[in-house]
C-alpha atoms as a PDB file:
ATOM      1  CA  GLU A   1       0.125  -0.152  -0.100  1.00  0.00           C
ATOM      2  CA  VAL A   2       1.422   3.042  -1.378  1.00  0.00           C
ATOM      3  CA  LYS A   3       2.170   5.500   1.867  1.00  0.00           C
ATOM      4  CA  PHE A   4       3.706   9.232   2.712  1.00  0.00           C
ATOM      5  CA  GLU A   5       4.032  10.830   5.175  1.00  0.00           C
ATOM      6  CA  GLU A   6       4.595  13.715   4.979  1.00  0.00           C
ATOM      7  CA  SER A   7       6.580  16.466   7.560  1.00  0.00           C
ATOM      8  CA  GLY A   8       8.576  19.557   8.824  1.00  0.00           C
ATOM      9  CA  GLY A   9       5.730  22.251   7.531  1.00  0.00           C
ATOM     10  CA  ALA A  10       5.352  25.643   9.723  1.00  0.00           C
ATOM     11  CA  SER A  11       4.759  29.151  10.432  1.00  0.00           C
ATOM     12  CA  VAL A  12       7.347  31.258   9.718  1.00  0.00           C
ATOM     13  CA  GLN A  13       8.304  34.910   8.074  1.00  0.00           C
ATOM     14  CA  THR A  14       9.484  36.334   5.144  1.00  0.00           C
ATOM     15  CA  GLY A  15      13.059  35.331   4.586  1.00  0.00           C
ATOM     16  CA  GLY A  16      13.118  32.225   6.892  1.00  0.00           C
ATOM     17  CA  SER A  17      13.425  28.819   6.210  1.00  0.00           C
ATOM     18  CA  LEU A  18      12.217  24.826   6.881  1.00  0.00           C
ATOM     19  CA  ARG A  19      13.160  21.388   6.463  1.00  0.00           C
ATOM     20  CA  LEU A  20      10.318  19.154   4.501  1.00  0.00           C
ATOM     21  CA  SER A  21      10.814  15.576   5.404  1.00  0.00           C
ATOM     22  CA  CYS A  22       8.118  13.046   3.505  1.00  0.00           C
ATOM     23  CA  LEU A  23       8.724   8.784   4.338  1.00  0.00           C
ATOM     24  CA  ALA A  24       7.539   7.004   1.538  1.00  0.00           C
ATOM     25  CA  SER A  25       6.427   3.246   1.497  1.00  0.00           C
ATOM     26  CA  GLY A  26       4.617   0.736  -0.639  1.00  0.00           C
ATOM     27  CA  PHE A  27       6.163   0.733  -3.629  1.00  0.00           C
ATOM     28  CA  ARG A  28       9.635   0.821  -5.476  1.00  0.00           C
ATOM     29  CA  PHE A  29      10.597   4.177  -5.316  1.00  0.00           C
ATOM     30  CA  HIS A  30      14.299   4.087  -5.730  1.00  0.00           C
ATOM     31  CA  GLU A  31      12.945   3.744  -9.295  1.00  0.00           C
ATOM     32  CA  ARG A  32      11.532   6.484  -9.965  1.00  0.00           C
ATOM     33  CA  ALA A  33      11.412   9.840 -10.465  1.00  0.00           C
ATOM     34  CA  MET A  34       9.836  11.587  -6.588  1.00  0.00           C
ATOM     35  CA  GLU A  35       8.757  14.675  -6.122  1.00  0.00           C
ATOM     36  CA  TRP A  36       7.359  17.742  -4.123  1.00  0.00           C
ATOM     37  CA  HIS A  37       4.336  19.392  -4.532  1.00  0.00           C
ATOM     38  CA  ARG A  38       2.439  22.983  -4.164  1.00  0.00           C
ATOM     39  CA  ARG A  39      -1.109  23.266  -2.931  1.00  0.00           C
ATOM     40  CA  SER A  40      -2.294  26.745  -2.555  1.00  0.00           C
ATOM     41  CA  SER A  41      -6.097  27.632  -1.114  1.00  0.00           C
ATOM     42  CA  GLY A  42      -7.985  26.896  -3.486  1.00  0.00           C
ATOM     43  CA  ALA A  43      -5.666  26.118  -6.423  1.00  0.00           C
ATOM     44  CA  GLU A  44      -5.022  23.289  -7.866  1.00  0.00           C
ATOM     45  CA  CYS A  45      -1.043  21.046  -6.650  1.00  0.00           C
ATOM     46  CA  GLU A  46       1.868  23.424  -8.415  1.00  0.00           C
ATOM     47  CA  LEU A  47       4.966  21.355  -8.888  1.00  0.00           C
ATOM     48  CA  VAL A  48       7.563  23.610  -6.990  1.00  0.00           C
ATOM     49  CA  ALA A  49      11.237  20.818  -7.501  1.00  0.00           C
ATOM     50  CA  SER A  50      11.593  16.901  -8.821  1.00  0.00           C
ATOM     51  CA  ILE A  51      14.238  14.864  -8.962  1.00  0.00           C
ATOM     52  CA  ASN A  52      15.222  12.407 -10.477  1.00  0.00           C
ATOM     53  CA  VAL A  53      16.704   8.076  -9.822  1.00  0.00           C
ATOM     54  CA  ASP A  54      20.350   9.643 -10.802  1.00  0.00           C
ATOM     55  CA  GLY A  55      20.265  12.572  -8.987  1.00  0.00           C
ATOM     56  CA  THR A  56      18.972  15.097 -11.450  1.00  0.00           C
ATOM     57  CA  THR A  57      16.936  17.679 -10.319  1.00  0.00           C
ATOM     58  CA  TYR A  58      14.314  20.377 -11.667  1.00  0.00           C
ATOM     59  CA  TYR A  59      12.718  23.516 -10.216  1.00  0.00           C
ATOM     60  CA  PRO A  60       9.939  25.627 -11.936  1.00  0.00           C
ATOM     61  CA  ASP A  61      11.811  29.127 -11.438  1.00  0.00           C
ATOM     62  CA  SER A  62       9.908  30.520  -8.640  1.00  0.00           C
ATOM     63  CA  ALA A  63      12.083  27.671  -6.192  1.00  0.00           C
ATOM     64  CA  LYS A  64      15.068  27.535  -7.803  1.00  0.00           C
ATOM     65  CA  GLY A  65      18.279  28.992  -5.865  1.00  0.00           C
ATOM     66  CA  ARG A  66      15.547  28.838  -2.714  1.00  0.00           C
ATOM     67  CA  PHE A  67      14.746  25.296  -2.655  1.00  0.00           C
ATOM     68  CA  THR A  68      16.573  22.438  -2.540  1.00  0.00           C
ATOM     69  CA  ILE A  69      15.060  18.555  -2.808  1.00  0.00           C
ATOM     70  CA  SER A  70      16.905  15.577  -2.101  1.00  0.00           C
ATOM     71  CA  ARG A  71      16.103  11.698  -2.136  1.00  0.00           C
ATOM     72  CA  GLU A  72      17.460   8.980   0.814  1.00  0.00           C
ATOM     73  CA  ARG A  73      17.447   5.254  -0.167  1.00  0.00           C
ATOM     74  CA  ILE A  74      15.850   3.821   2.751  1.00  0.00           C
ATOM     75  CA  GLY A  75      14.705   0.199   1.086  1.00  0.00           C
ATOM     76  CA  ASN A  76      13.513  -1.246  -1.671  1.00  0.00           C
ATOM     77  CA  THR A  77      10.216  -0.179  -0.713  1.00  0.00           C
ATOM     78  CA  VAL A  78      11.026   2.390   1.610  1.00  0.00           C
ATOM     79  CA  HIS A  79      12.406   5.690   0.139  1.00  0.00           C
ATOM     80  CA  GLN A  80      12.575   9.249   2.215  1.00  0.00           C
ATOM     81  CA  LEU A  81      12.301  12.380   0.027  1.00  0.00           C
ATOM     82  CA  TYR A  82      13.175  16.190   1.325  1.00  0.00           C
ATOM     83  CA  LEU A  83      12.917  19.844   0.360  1.00  0.00           C
ATOM     84  CA  GLN A  84      15.328  22.248   2.193  1.00  0.00           C
ATOM     85  CA  MET A  85      13.994  25.713   1.534  1.00  0.00           C
ATOM     86  CA  GLU A  86      15.287  28.669   1.773  1.00  0.00           C
ATOM     87  CA  SER A  87      14.358  32.417   2.202  1.00  0.00           C
ATOM     88  CA  LEU A  88      10.532  31.690   1.778  1.00  0.00           C
ATOM     89  CA  LYS A  89       7.672  34.277   0.413  1.00  0.00           C
ATOM     90  CA  PRO A  90       3.978  34.638   1.641  1.00  0.00           C
ATOM     91  CA  GLU A  91       3.342  33.365  -1.827  1.00  0.00           C
ATOM     92  CA  ASP A  92       5.350  29.815  -0.792  1.00  0.00           C
ATOM     93  CA  THR A  93       2.085  29.305   1.714  1.00  0.00           C
ATOM     94  CA  GLY A  94      -0.019  26.351   0.932  1.00  0.00           C
ATOM     95  CA  MET A  95      -0.641  22.344   1.394  1.00  0.00           C
ATOM     96  CA  TYR A  96       2.800  20.467   0.934  1.00  0.00           C
ATOM     97  CA  TYR A  97       2.900  17.028  -0.702  1.00  0.00           C
ATOM     98  CA  CYS A  98       5.041  14.416  -1.679  1.00  0.00           C
ATOM     99  CA  LYS A  99       4.814  11.446  -4.660  1.00  0.00           C
ATOM    100  CA  ALA A 100       5.913   9.567  -6.991  1.00  0.00           C
ATOM    101  CA  ALA A 101       6.176  10.966 -10.852  1.00  0.00           C
ATOM    102  CA  LEU A 102       3.008   8.645 -12.399  1.00  0.00           C
ATOM    103  CA  PRO A 103      -0.178   9.903 -13.203  1.00  0.00           C
ATOM    104  CA  TRP A 104      -1.769   7.298 -11.087  1.00  0.00           C
ATOM    105  CA  MET A 105       0.069   8.624  -7.481  1.00  0.00           C
ATOM    106  CA  GLU A 106      -1.902  12.377  -7.495  1.00  0.00           C
ATOM    107  CA  CYS A 107      -1.050  14.977  -5.433  1.00  0.00           C
ATOM    108  CA  GLY A 108      -2.481  14.584  -2.124  1.00  0.00           C
ATOM    109  CA  ARG A 109      -3.890  10.905  -2.321  1.00  0.00           C
ATOM    110  CA  PHE A 110      -1.419   9.282  -0.689  1.00  0.00           C
ATOM    111  CA  GLY A 111      -0.665  11.264   2.106  1.00  0.00           C
ATOM    112  CA  PRO A 112      -1.969  14.291   5.032  1.00  0.00           C
ATOM    113  CA  GLY A 113       0.562  16.829   3.745  1.00  0.00           C
ATOM    114  CA  THR A 114       2.407  18.393   5.240  1.00  0.00           C
ATOM    115  CA  GLN A 115       1.079  22.725   6.083  1.00  0.00           C
ATOM    116  CA  VAL A 116       3.666  25.959   5.415  1.00  0.00           C
ATOM    117  CA  THR A 117       2.598  29.937   5.821  1.00  0.00           C
ATOM    118  CA  VAL A 118       4.723  33.138   5.834  1.00  0.00           C
ATOM    119  CA  SER A 119       3.667  35.375   7.156  1.00  0.00           C
ATOM    120  CA  SER A 120       5.243  38.691   5.553  1.00  0.00           C
END
């Protein structure tokens, strides 16, 4: 059974930092690219970072230079994903979810997410 346990979200002020963690289990995540998504109030999920099996990363312009994604294989069906966030802005506010880069692993379907709130 696929399961994501996201943690590390908090309320911070503009310019602050946070480190999000995601414990992923129930799938061979080490064979797939992994992603962090954000869902802001009333909006759809948007990609904020992805990391391939070979460690190469992608960030949209909004996150580039401020966010760093990393991953760690724990076992064949357990994986750890991280998102280091620096220089946080109010527009970074939202619920953050992790997932594998697979269409059926919809954002927020297999985990509760972790809330990040950035105040000005």
